[in-house]
């Protein structure tokens, strides 16, 4: 009984913290301008990226995943001239629609960024499921992708975040 009381007290605090963090990213993004802001400006606002991919054309892709508890995955492209050319939030309906049966795990990661959680099931050891948490308006959702034994997309779906339905 006492654990439930502590959980109930912490839930609003955690929700406020989560909303603040989500809002902070938007405030950081609003301070950056495509074609003007430099890589140093991006790092000042977002910090060190989780991953840097250097492209053949001299540009760089900076990855800022906010998973597992956040609801965004940012990809910021720095052009060969050192200026930000693109800032995108990857967890969006137009990107979910790109996920098709037969795609590889690498292709899915390239479109959506780092996933929040991996599920493996004892009765289906050849299958794996990845999840991303995201916001649909004010609703917290989960986008999931199931992979077969060859690590290719079998199916995908969007559902309500069960933690919201359970009250936590």
N, C-alpha and C. Protein backbone atom coordinates (compact mmCIF):
# COMPACT_ATOMS: atom_id res chain seq x y z
N UNK A 1 0.82 -1.19 0.00
CA UNK A 1 0.00 0.00 0.00
C UNK A 1 0.87 1.26 0.00
N UNK A 2 1.94 1.25 0.78
CA UNK A 2 2.82 2.40 0.87
C UNK A 2 3.52 2.68 -0.46
N UNK A 3 3.89 1.63 -1.19
CA UNK A 3 4.54 1.80 -2.48
C UNK A 3 3.61 2.50 -3.45
N UNK A 4 2.34 2.12 -3.44
CA UNK A 4 1.37 2.75 -4.32
C UNK A 4 1.23 4.25 -4.02
N UNK A 5 1.27 4.62 -2.74
CA UNK A 5 1.17 6.01 -2.33
C UNK A 5 2.38 6.80 -2.83
N UNK A 6 3.58 6.23 -2.68
CA UNK A 6 4.79 6.90 -3.16
C UNK A 6 4.72 7.05 -4.68
N UNK A 7 4.28 5.99 -5.37
CA UNK A 7 4.15 6.03 -6.82
C UNK A 7 3.18 7.14 -7.22
N UNK A 8 2.05 7.24 -6.53
CA UNK A 8 1.05 8.26 -6.85
C UNK A 8 1.60 9.66 -6.63
N UNK A 9 2.45 9.83 -5.61
CA UNK A 9 3.04 11.15 -5.35
C UNK A 9 4.10 11.50 -6.39
N UNK A 10 4.83 10.51 -6.85
CA UNK A 10 5.91 10.76 -7.81
C UNK A 10 5.40 10.98 -9.23
N UNK A 11 4.29 10.39 -9.58
CA UNK A 11 3.78 10.46 -10.95
C UNK A 11 3.63 11.90 -11.44
N UNK A 12 2.97 12.81 -10.69
CA UNK A 12 2.85 14.19 -11.19
C UNK A 12 4.21 14.88 -11.33
N UNK A 13 5.11 14.62 -10.39
CA UNK A 13 6.44 15.22 -10.46
C UNK A 13 7.20 14.74 -11.70
N UNK A 14 7.13 13.45 -11.97
CA UNK A 14 7.80 12.90 -13.14
C UNK A 14 7.18 13.44 -14.43
N UNK A 15 5.88 13.59 -14.46
CA UNK A 15 5.21 14.14 -15.64
C UNK A 15 5.65 15.58 -15.88
N UNK A 16 5.74 16.39 -14.81
CA UNK A 16 6.20 17.78 -14.96
C UNK A 16 7.63 17.83 -15.46
N UNK A 17 8.50 16.96 -14.93
CA UNK A 17 9.89 16.91 -15.37
C UNK A 17 9.96 16.53 -16.84
N UNK A 18 9.19 15.53 -17.24
CA UNK A 18 9.16 15.07 -18.62
C UNK A 18 8.69 16.19 -19.56
N UNK A 19 7.64 16.91 -19.18
CA UNK A 19 7.13 18.00 -20.01
C UNK A 19 8.14 19.13 -20.11
N UNK A 20 8.84 19.40 -19.00
CA UNK A 20 9.87 20.44 -19.01
C UNK A 20 10.99 20.07 -19.97
N UNK A 21 11.44 18.82 -19.93
CA UNK A 21 12.51 18.39 -20.82
C UNK A 21 12.07 18.47 -22.27
N UNK A 22 10.85 18.06 -22.56
CA UNK A 22 10.35 18.14 -23.93
C UNK A 22 10.29 19.60 -24.38
N UNK A 23 9.84 20.48 -23.52
CA UNK A 23 9.78 21.90 -23.84
C UNK A 23 11.16 22.51 -23.99
N UNK A 24 12.11 22.05 -23.20
CA UNK A 24 13.48 22.58 -23.27
C UNK A 24 14.08 22.29 -24.64
N UNK A 25 13.87 21.10 -25.18
CA UNK A 25 14.39 20.79 -26.51
C UNK A 25 13.81 21.73 -27.55
N UNK A 26 12.53 22.03 -27.46
CA UNK A 26 11.91 22.94 -28.43
C UNK A 26 12.50 24.33 -28.29
N UNK A 27 12.74 24.77 -27.06
CA UNK A 27 13.36 26.08 -26.85
C UNK A 27 14.77 26.11 -27.44
N UNK A 28 15.51 25.02 -27.27
CA UNK A 28 16.85 24.94 -27.84
C UNK A 28 16.79 25.00 -29.37
N UNK A 29 15.88 24.25 -29.95
CA UNK A 29 15.73 24.22 -31.41
C UNK A 29 15.35 25.60 -31.95
N UNK A 30 14.51 26.32 -31.21
CA UNK A 30 14.07 27.64 -31.65
C UNK A 30 15.22 28.65 -31.71
N UNK A 31 16.30 28.39 -30.99
CA UNK A 31 17.46 29.29 -30.99
C UNK A 31 18.40 29.04 -32.18
N UNK A 32 18.14 27.99 -32.94
CA UNK A 32 19.00 27.64 -34.06
C UNK A 32 18.33 27.97 -35.39
N UNK A 33 19.13 28.39 -36.36
CA UNK A 33 18.61 28.76 -37.68
C UNK A 33 19.37 28.03 -38.77
N UNK A 34 18.63 27.38 -39.66
CA UNK A 34 19.26 26.69 -40.78
C UNK A 34 20.02 27.68 -41.65
N UNK A 35 21.24 27.28 -42.04
CA UNK A 35 22.07 28.11 -42.89
C UNK A 35 22.83 29.20 -42.14
N UNK A 36 22.54 29.36 -40.85
CA UNK A 36 23.18 30.41 -40.05
C UNK A 36 23.93 29.80 -38.87
N UNK A 37 23.26 28.97 -38.10
CA UNK A 37 23.86 28.39 -36.90
C UNK A 37 24.99 27.44 -37.27
N UNK A 38 26.03 27.44 -36.45
CA UNK A 38 27.20 26.59 -36.68
C UNK A 38 27.10 25.32 -35.84
N UNK A 39 28.03 24.40 -36.09
CA UNK A 39 28.08 23.19 -35.28
C UNK A 39 28.31 23.55 -33.81
N UNK A 40 29.13 24.56 -33.56
CA UNK A 40 29.37 24.99 -32.17
C UNK A 40 28.07 25.49 -31.54
N UNK A 41 27.24 26.22 -32.31
CA UNK A 41 25.95 26.69 -31.80
C UNK A 41 25.05 25.50 -31.43
N UNK A 42 25.03 24.50 -32.31
CA UNK A 42 24.22 23.30 -32.06
C UNK A 42 24.67 22.61 -30.78
N UNK A 43 25.97 22.42 -30.63
CA UNK A 43 26.50 21.75 -29.44
C UNK A 43 26.26 22.58 -28.18
N UNK A 44 26.26 23.90 -28.32
CA UNK A 44 25.98 24.75 -27.16
C UNK A 44 24.54 24.54 -26.69
N UNK A 45 23.62 24.37 -27.63
CA UNK A 45 22.21 24.20 -27.29
C UNK A 45 21.86 22.76 -26.89
N UNK A 46 22.39 21.77 -27.61
CA UNK A 46 21.99 20.38 -27.42
C UNK A 46 23.03 19.52 -26.70
N UNK A 47 24.25 20.02 -26.56
CA UNK A 47 25.30 19.23 -25.93
C UNK A 47 25.99 18.31 -26.94
N UNK A 48 26.72 17.35 -26.40
CA UNK A 48 27.44 16.40 -27.26
C UNK A 48 26.45 15.41 -27.87
N UNK A 49 26.55 15.17 -29.16
CA UNK A 49 25.64 14.20 -29.79
C UNK A 49 25.96 12.77 -29.35
N UNK A 50 24.95 11.93 -29.39
CA UNK A 50 25.13 10.50 -29.06
C UNK A 50 25.91 9.80 -30.16
N UNK A 51 25.79 10.30 -31.39
CA UNK A 51 26.47 9.70 -32.53
C UNK A 51 26.71 10.77 -33.58
N UNK A 52 27.87 10.66 -34.23
CA UNK A 52 28.21 11.55 -35.33
C UNK A 52 28.52 10.68 -36.55
N UNK A 53 27.85 10.95 -37.66
CA UNK A 53 28.11 10.24 -38.90
C UNK A 53 28.65 11.24 -39.91
N UNK A 54 29.87 10.98 -40.37
CA UNK A 54 30.47 11.86 -41.37
C UNK A 54 30.15 11.32 -42.75
N UNK A 55 29.66 12.19 -43.62
CA UNK A 55 29.27 11.80 -44.97
C UNK A 55 30.39 12.13 -45.96
N UNK A 56 30.34 11.47 -47.10
CA UNK A 56 31.35 11.65 -48.15
C UNK A 56 31.43 13.08 -48.65
N UNK A 57 30.30 13.81 -48.60
CA UNK A 57 30.29 15.19 -49.11
C UNK A 57 30.84 16.21 -48.10
N UNK A 58 31.31 15.72 -46.94
CA UNK A 58 31.87 16.60 -45.93
C UNK A 58 30.87 17.05 -44.88
N UNK A 59 29.61 16.70 -45.06
CA UNK A 59 28.60 17.05 -44.06
C UNK A 59 28.63 16.02 -42.92
N UNK A 60 27.97 16.37 -41.81
CA UNK A 60 27.89 15.49 -40.65
C UNK A 60 26.45 15.38 -40.19
N UNK A 61 26.09 14.21 -39.69
CA UNK A 61 24.78 14.00 -39.09
C UNK A 61 25.00 13.81 -37.60
N UNK A 62 24.43 14.70 -36.80
CA UNK A 62 24.53 14.63 -35.35
C UNK A 62 23.22 14.04 -34.80
N UNK A 63 23.33 12.97 -34.05
CA UNK A 63 22.14 12.29 -33.50
C UNK A 63 21.95 12.66 -32.04
N UNK A 64 20.74 13.09 -31.72
CA UNK A 64 20.36 13.44 -30.36
C UNK A 64 19.09 12.66 -29.97
N UNK A 65 19.24 11.38 -29.66
CA UNK A 65 18.07 10.60 -29.26
C UNK A 65 17.64 10.97 -27.84
N UNK A 66 16.35 10.99 -27.62
CA UNK A 66 15.81 11.28 -26.28
C UNK A 66 15.11 10.05 -25.71
N UNK A 67 15.33 8.91 -26.33
CA UNK A 67 14.79 7.65 -25.85
C UNK A 67 15.71 7.13 -24.74
N UNK A 68 15.29 6.36 -23.76
CA UNK A 68 14.03 5.63 -23.73
C UNK A 68 12.86 6.39 -23.13
N UNK A 69 13.09 7.42 -22.31
CA UNK A 69 11.95 8.07 -21.65
C UNK A 69 11.43 9.29 -22.38
N UNK A 70 12.25 9.88 -23.24
CA UNK A 70 11.80 11.04 -23.98
C UNK A 70 10.87 10.65 -25.11
N UNK A 71 10.39 11.65 -25.83
CA UNK A 71 9.43 11.37 -26.92
C UNK A 71 9.94 11.88 -28.26
N UNK A 72 11.25 12.16 -28.34
CA UNK A 72 11.82 12.69 -29.57
C UNK A 72 13.16 12.02 -29.88
N UNK A 73 13.53 12.08 -31.12
CA UNK A 73 14.87 11.73 -31.60
C UNK A 73 15.22 12.80 -32.62
N UNK A 74 16.19 13.64 -32.30
CA UNK A 74 16.58 14.70 -33.22
C UNK A 74 17.76 14.27 -34.09
N UNK A 75 17.72 14.70 -35.34
CA UNK A 75 18.83 14.53 -36.27
C UNK A 75 19.15 15.93 -36.79
N UNK A 76 20.40 16.34 -36.58
CA UNK A 76 20.82 17.67 -37.02
C UNK A 76 21.95 17.49 -38.03
N UNK A 77 21.78 18.08 -39.19
CA UNK A 77 22.79 17.96 -40.24
C UNK A 77 23.60 19.25 -40.31
N UNK A 78 24.90 19.07 -40.25
CA UNK A 78 25.85 20.18 -40.40
C UNK A 78 26.46 20.05 -41.80
N UNK A 79 26.30 21.07 -42.61
CA UNK A 79 26.82 21.03 -43.97
C UNK A 79 28.34 21.09 -44.00
N UNK A 80 28.90 20.85 -45.17
CA UNK A 80 30.36 20.90 -45.35
C UNK A 80 30.90 22.29 -45.01
N UNK A 81 30.04 23.32 -45.07
CA UNK A 81 30.45 24.68 -44.73
C UNK A 81 30.44 24.94 -43.23
N UNK A 82 30.06 23.93 -42.42
CA UNK A 82 30.03 24.08 -40.97
C UNK A 82 28.75 24.67 -40.42
N UNK A 83 27.77 24.93 -41.28
CA UNK A 83 26.49 25.51 -40.86
C UNK A 83 25.41 24.44 -40.80
N UNK A 84 24.48 24.63 -39.88
CA UNK A 84 23.36 23.70 -39.76
C UNK A 84 22.48 23.82 -41.00
N UNK A 85 22.26 22.69 -41.66
CA UNK A 85 21.39 22.71 -42.85
C UNK A 85 20.03 22.09 -42.58
N UNK A 86 19.91 21.34 -41.47
CA UNK A 86 18.63 20.69 -41.19
C UNK A 86 18.56 20.28 -39.72
N UNK A 87 17.39 20.46 -39.12
CA UNK A 87 17.11 19.98 -37.77
C UNK A 87 15.75 19.29 -37.85
N UNK A 88 15.76 17.96 -37.63
CA UNK A 88 14.52 17.19 -37.79
C UNK A 88 14.23 16.36 -36.55
N UNK A 89 12.96 16.30 -36.19
CA UNK A 89 12.47 15.39 -35.17
C UNK A 89 12.03 14.15 -35.93
N UNK A 90 12.69 13.02 -35.69
CA UNK A 90 12.48 11.82 -36.49
C UNK A 90 11.19 11.07 -36.16
N UNK A 91 10.71 11.19 -34.94
CA UNK A 91 9.54 10.41 -34.52
C UNK A 91 8.26 11.15 -34.89
N UNK A 92 7.88 11.00 -36.16
CA UNK A 92 6.73 11.70 -36.72
C UNK A 92 5.99 10.77 -37.68
N UNK A 93 4.69 11.00 -37.87
CA UNK A 93 3.88 10.12 -38.73
C UNK A 93 4.45 9.89 -40.12
N UNK A 94 5.02 10.92 -40.75
CA UNK A 94 5.55 10.73 -42.11
C UNK A 94 6.72 9.75 -42.11
N UNK A 95 7.48 9.69 -41.02
CA UNK A 95 8.57 8.71 -40.94
C UNK A 95 8.05 7.32 -40.57
N UNK A 96 7.04 7.25 -39.71
CA UNK A 96 6.45 5.94 -39.37
C UNK A 96 5.90 5.29 -40.64
N UNK A 97 5.32 6.10 -41.53
CA UNK A 97 4.74 5.57 -42.77
C UNK A 97 5.79 4.99 -43.71
N UNK A 98 7.05 5.38 -43.54
CA UNK A 98 8.13 4.87 -44.38
C UNK A 98 8.55 3.45 -44.00
N UNK A 99 8.19 3.01 -42.81
CA UNK A 99 8.60 1.69 -42.34
C UNK A 99 7.73 0.63 -43.01
N UNK A 100 8.37 -0.21 -43.83
CA UNK A 100 7.65 -1.20 -44.64
C UNK A 100 8.21 -2.60 -44.42
N UNK A 101 7.37 -3.63 -44.56
CA UNK A 101 7.86 -5.01 -44.44
C UNK A 101 9.05 -5.25 -45.37
N UNK A 102 10.03 -5.98 -44.84
CA UNK A 102 11.22 -6.31 -45.61
C UNK A 102 12.40 -5.39 -45.36
N UNK A 103 12.16 -4.23 -44.74
CA UNK A 103 13.27 -3.32 -44.44
C UNK A 103 14.16 -3.94 -43.37
N UNK A 104 15.44 -3.59 -43.38
CA UNK A 104 16.39 -4.09 -42.38
C UNK A 104 16.33 -3.23 -41.11
N UNK A 105 16.90 -3.76 -40.04
CA UNK A 105 16.97 -3.00 -38.80
C UNK A 105 17.78 -1.71 -39.00
N UNK A 106 18.84 -1.78 -39.78
CA UNK A 106 19.66 -0.60 -40.04
C UNK A 106 18.86 0.47 -40.77
N UNK A 107 18.03 0.07 -41.73
CA UNK A 107 17.20 1.03 -42.46
C UNK A 107 16.19 1.69 -41.53
N UNK A 108 15.60 0.91 -40.63
CA UNK A 108 14.64 1.45 -39.68
C UNK A 108 15.33 2.44 -38.74
N UNK A 109 16.51 2.07 -38.24
CA UNK A 109 17.26 2.97 -37.35
C UNK A 109 17.63 4.27 -38.05
N UNK A 110 17.94 4.20 -39.33
CA UNK A 110 18.31 5.40 -40.07
C UNK A 110 17.12 6.35 -40.17
N UNK A 111 15.92 5.82 -40.27
CA UNK A 111 14.72 6.65 -40.39
C UNK A 111 14.25 7.18 -39.05
N UNK A 112 14.27 6.33 -37.99
CA UNK A 112 13.67 6.70 -36.71
C UNK A 112 14.67 7.00 -35.60
N UNK A 113 15.93 6.65 -35.80
CA UNK A 113 16.91 6.86 -34.73
C UNK A 113 16.87 5.75 -33.71
N UNK A 114 17.55 5.97 -32.60
CA UNK A 114 17.67 4.95 -31.54
C UNK A 114 16.31 4.63 -30.93
N UNK A 115 16.07 3.33 -30.75
CA UNK A 115 14.80 2.90 -30.17
C UNK A 115 14.89 2.90 -28.64
N UNK A 116 13.72 2.91 -28.00
CA UNK A 116 13.64 2.99 -26.54
C UNK A 116 13.81 1.63 -25.88
N UNK A 117 13.27 0.61 -26.51
CA UNK A 117 13.20 -0.70 -25.85
C UNK A 117 13.21 -1.81 -26.88
N UNK A 118 13.78 -2.96 -26.48
CA UNK A 118 13.77 -4.16 -27.31
C UNK A 118 13.05 -5.26 -26.54
N UNK A 119 12.15 -5.96 -27.22
CA UNK A 119 11.45 -7.11 -26.63
C UNK A 119 11.85 -8.37 -27.39
N UNK A 120 12.14 -9.41 -26.64
CA UNK A 120 12.32 -10.75 -27.22
C UNK A 120 11.38 -11.67 -26.44
N UNK A 121 10.78 -12.60 -27.16
CA UNK A 121 9.76 -13.45 -26.55
C UNK A 121 10.21 -14.90 -26.53
N UNK A 122 10.04 -15.55 -25.39
CA UNK A 122 10.49 -16.94 -25.21
C UNK A 122 9.83 -17.89 -26.21
N UNK A 123 8.56 -17.67 -26.51
CA UNK A 123 7.84 -18.56 -27.43
C UNK A 123 8.12 -18.25 -28.90
N UNK A 124 8.75 -17.11 -29.16
CA UNK A 124 9.12 -16.73 -30.53
C UNK A 124 10.55 -16.21 -30.52
N UNK A 125 11.52 -17.08 -30.27
CA UNK A 125 12.91 -16.63 -30.12
C UNK A 125 13.53 -16.04 -31.37
N UNK A 126 12.93 -16.28 -32.52
CA UNK A 126 13.48 -15.73 -33.77
C UNK A 126 12.95 -14.33 -34.08
N UNK A 127 12.06 -13.83 -33.23
CA UNK A 127 11.47 -12.51 -33.47
C UNK A 127 11.96 -11.51 -32.42
N UNK A 128 11.92 -10.25 -32.81
CA UNK A 128 12.34 -9.16 -31.93
C UNK A 128 11.42 -7.99 -32.20
N UNK A 129 11.15 -7.19 -31.18
CA UNK A 129 10.30 -6.02 -31.34
C UNK A 129 11.00 -4.80 -30.75
N UNK A 130 11.04 -3.72 -31.52
CA UNK A 130 11.61 -2.45 -31.05
C UNK A 130 10.49 -1.46 -30.81
N UNK A 131 10.67 -0.59 -29.80
CA UNK A 131 9.69 0.44 -29.48
C UNK A 131 10.33 1.82 -29.41
N UNK A 132 9.55 2.82 -29.84
CA UNK A 132 9.91 4.22 -29.71
C UNK A 132 8.74 4.92 -29.01
N UNK A 133 9.02 5.77 -28.05
CA UNK A 133 7.98 6.57 -27.40
C UNK A 133 7.90 7.91 -28.13
N UNK A 134 6.66 8.38 -28.35
CA UNK A 134 6.48 9.65 -29.04
C UNK A 134 5.18 10.31 -28.61
N UNK A 135 5.02 11.56 -28.99
CA UNK A 135 3.79 12.30 -28.70
C UNK A 135 2.97 12.46 -29.97
N UNK A 136 1.68 12.22 -29.83
CA UNK A 136 0.72 12.49 -30.90
C UNK A 136 -0.19 13.57 -30.33
N UNK A 137 0.15 14.84 -30.59
CA UNK A 137 -0.52 15.94 -29.91
C UNK A 137 -0.09 15.90 -28.45
N UNK A 138 -1.04 15.73 -27.55
CA UNK A 138 -0.74 15.61 -26.12
C UNK A 138 -0.77 14.16 -25.64
N UNK A 139 -1.06 13.23 -26.55
CA UNK A 139 -1.16 11.81 -26.19
C UNK A 139 0.19 11.11 -26.31
N UNK A 140 0.55 10.38 -25.27
CA UNK A 140 1.80 9.61 -25.30
C UNK A 140 1.52 8.27 -25.98
N UNK A 141 2.34 7.96 -26.98
CA UNK A 141 2.15 6.76 -27.80
C UNK A 141 3.44 5.96 -27.88
N UNK A 142 3.29 4.74 -28.41
CA UNK A 142 4.43 3.88 -28.71
C UNK A 142 4.30 3.41 -30.15
N UNK A 143 5.38 3.56 -30.90
CA UNK A 143 5.46 2.99 -32.24
C UNK A 143 6.34 1.77 -32.12
N UNK A 144 5.85 0.62 -32.58
CA UNK A 144 6.62 -0.62 -32.46
C UNK A 144 6.82 -1.25 -33.84
N UNK A 145 7.97 -1.91 -33.96
CA UNK A 145 8.31 -2.61 -35.20
C UNK A 145 8.74 -4.01 -34.83
N UNK A 146 8.10 -5.02 -35.47
CA UNK A 146 8.48 -6.42 -35.25
C UNK A 146 9.39 -6.87 -36.39
N UNK A 147 10.47 -7.57 -36.00
CA UNK A 147 11.43 -8.09 -36.96
C UNK A 147 11.42 -9.61 -36.93
N UNK A 148 11.64 -10.22 -38.10
CA UNK A 148 11.68 -11.67 -38.20
C UNK A 148 13.11 -12.19 -37.92
N UNK A 149 13.32 -13.49 -38.13
CA UNK A 149 14.62 -14.11 -37.85
C UNK A 149 15.74 -13.56 -38.72
N UNK A 150 15.40 -12.95 -39.85
CA UNK A 150 16.41 -12.36 -40.73
C UNK A 150 16.62 -10.87 -40.42
N UNK A 151 16.02 -10.41 -39.31
CA UNK A 151 16.13 -9.02 -38.85
C UNK A 151 15.53 -8.04 -39.85
N UNK A 152 14.45 -8.48 -40.48
CA UNK A 152 13.72 -7.62 -41.42
C UNK A 152 12.33 -7.35 -40.86
N UNK A 153 11.80 -6.18 -41.22
CA UNK A 153 10.49 -5.77 -40.71
C UNK A 153 9.42 -6.76 -41.13
N UNK A 154 8.66 -7.17 -40.13
CA UNK A 154 7.52 -8.04 -40.34
C UNK A 154 6.24 -7.21 -40.29
N UNK A 155 6.17 -6.30 -39.29
CA UNK A 155 5.00 -5.44 -39.14
C UNK A 155 5.36 -4.25 -38.25
N UNK A 156 4.46 -3.26 -38.25
CA UNK A 156 4.63 -2.10 -37.36
C UNK A 156 3.26 -1.63 -36.92
N UNK A 157 3.24 -0.92 -35.79
CA UNK A 157 1.96 -0.44 -35.25
C UNK A 157 2.19 0.69 -34.26
N UNK A 158 1.16 1.51 -34.09
CA UNK A 158 1.16 2.57 -33.09
C UNK A 158 0.08 2.24 -32.06
N UNK A 159 0.43 2.41 -30.78
CA UNK A 159 -0.52 2.14 -29.70
C UNK A 159 -0.37 3.21 -28.62
N UNK A 160 -1.35 3.27 -27.74
CA UNK A 160 -1.23 4.15 -26.58
C UNK A 160 -0.14 3.62 -25.67
N UNK A 161 0.57 4.52 -25.01
CA UNK A 161 1.59 4.12 -24.04
C UNK A 161 0.88 3.50 -22.84
N UNK A 162 1.14 2.23 -22.55
CA UNK A 162 0.42 1.57 -21.45
C UNK A 162 0.71 2.20 -20.10
N UNK A 163 1.83 2.87 -19.95
CA UNK A 163 2.13 3.51 -18.68
C UNK A 163 1.14 4.62 -18.38
N UNK A 164 0.62 5.28 -19.41
CA UNK A 164 -0.38 6.32 -19.22
C UNK A 164 -1.70 5.67 -18.79
N UNK A 165 -2.04 4.55 -19.43
CA UNK A 165 -3.29 3.87 -19.12
C UNK A 165 -3.29 3.30 -17.71
N UNK A 166 -2.10 2.92 -17.22
CA UNK A 166 -1.98 2.37 -15.87
C UNK A 166 -1.86 3.45 -14.82
N UNK A 167 -1.80 4.70 -15.25
CA UNK A 167 -1.70 5.81 -14.31
C UNK A 167 -0.27 6.12 -13.91
N UNK A 168 0.73 5.67 -14.67
CA UNK A 168 2.12 5.94 -14.30
C UNK A 168 2.91 6.06 -15.48
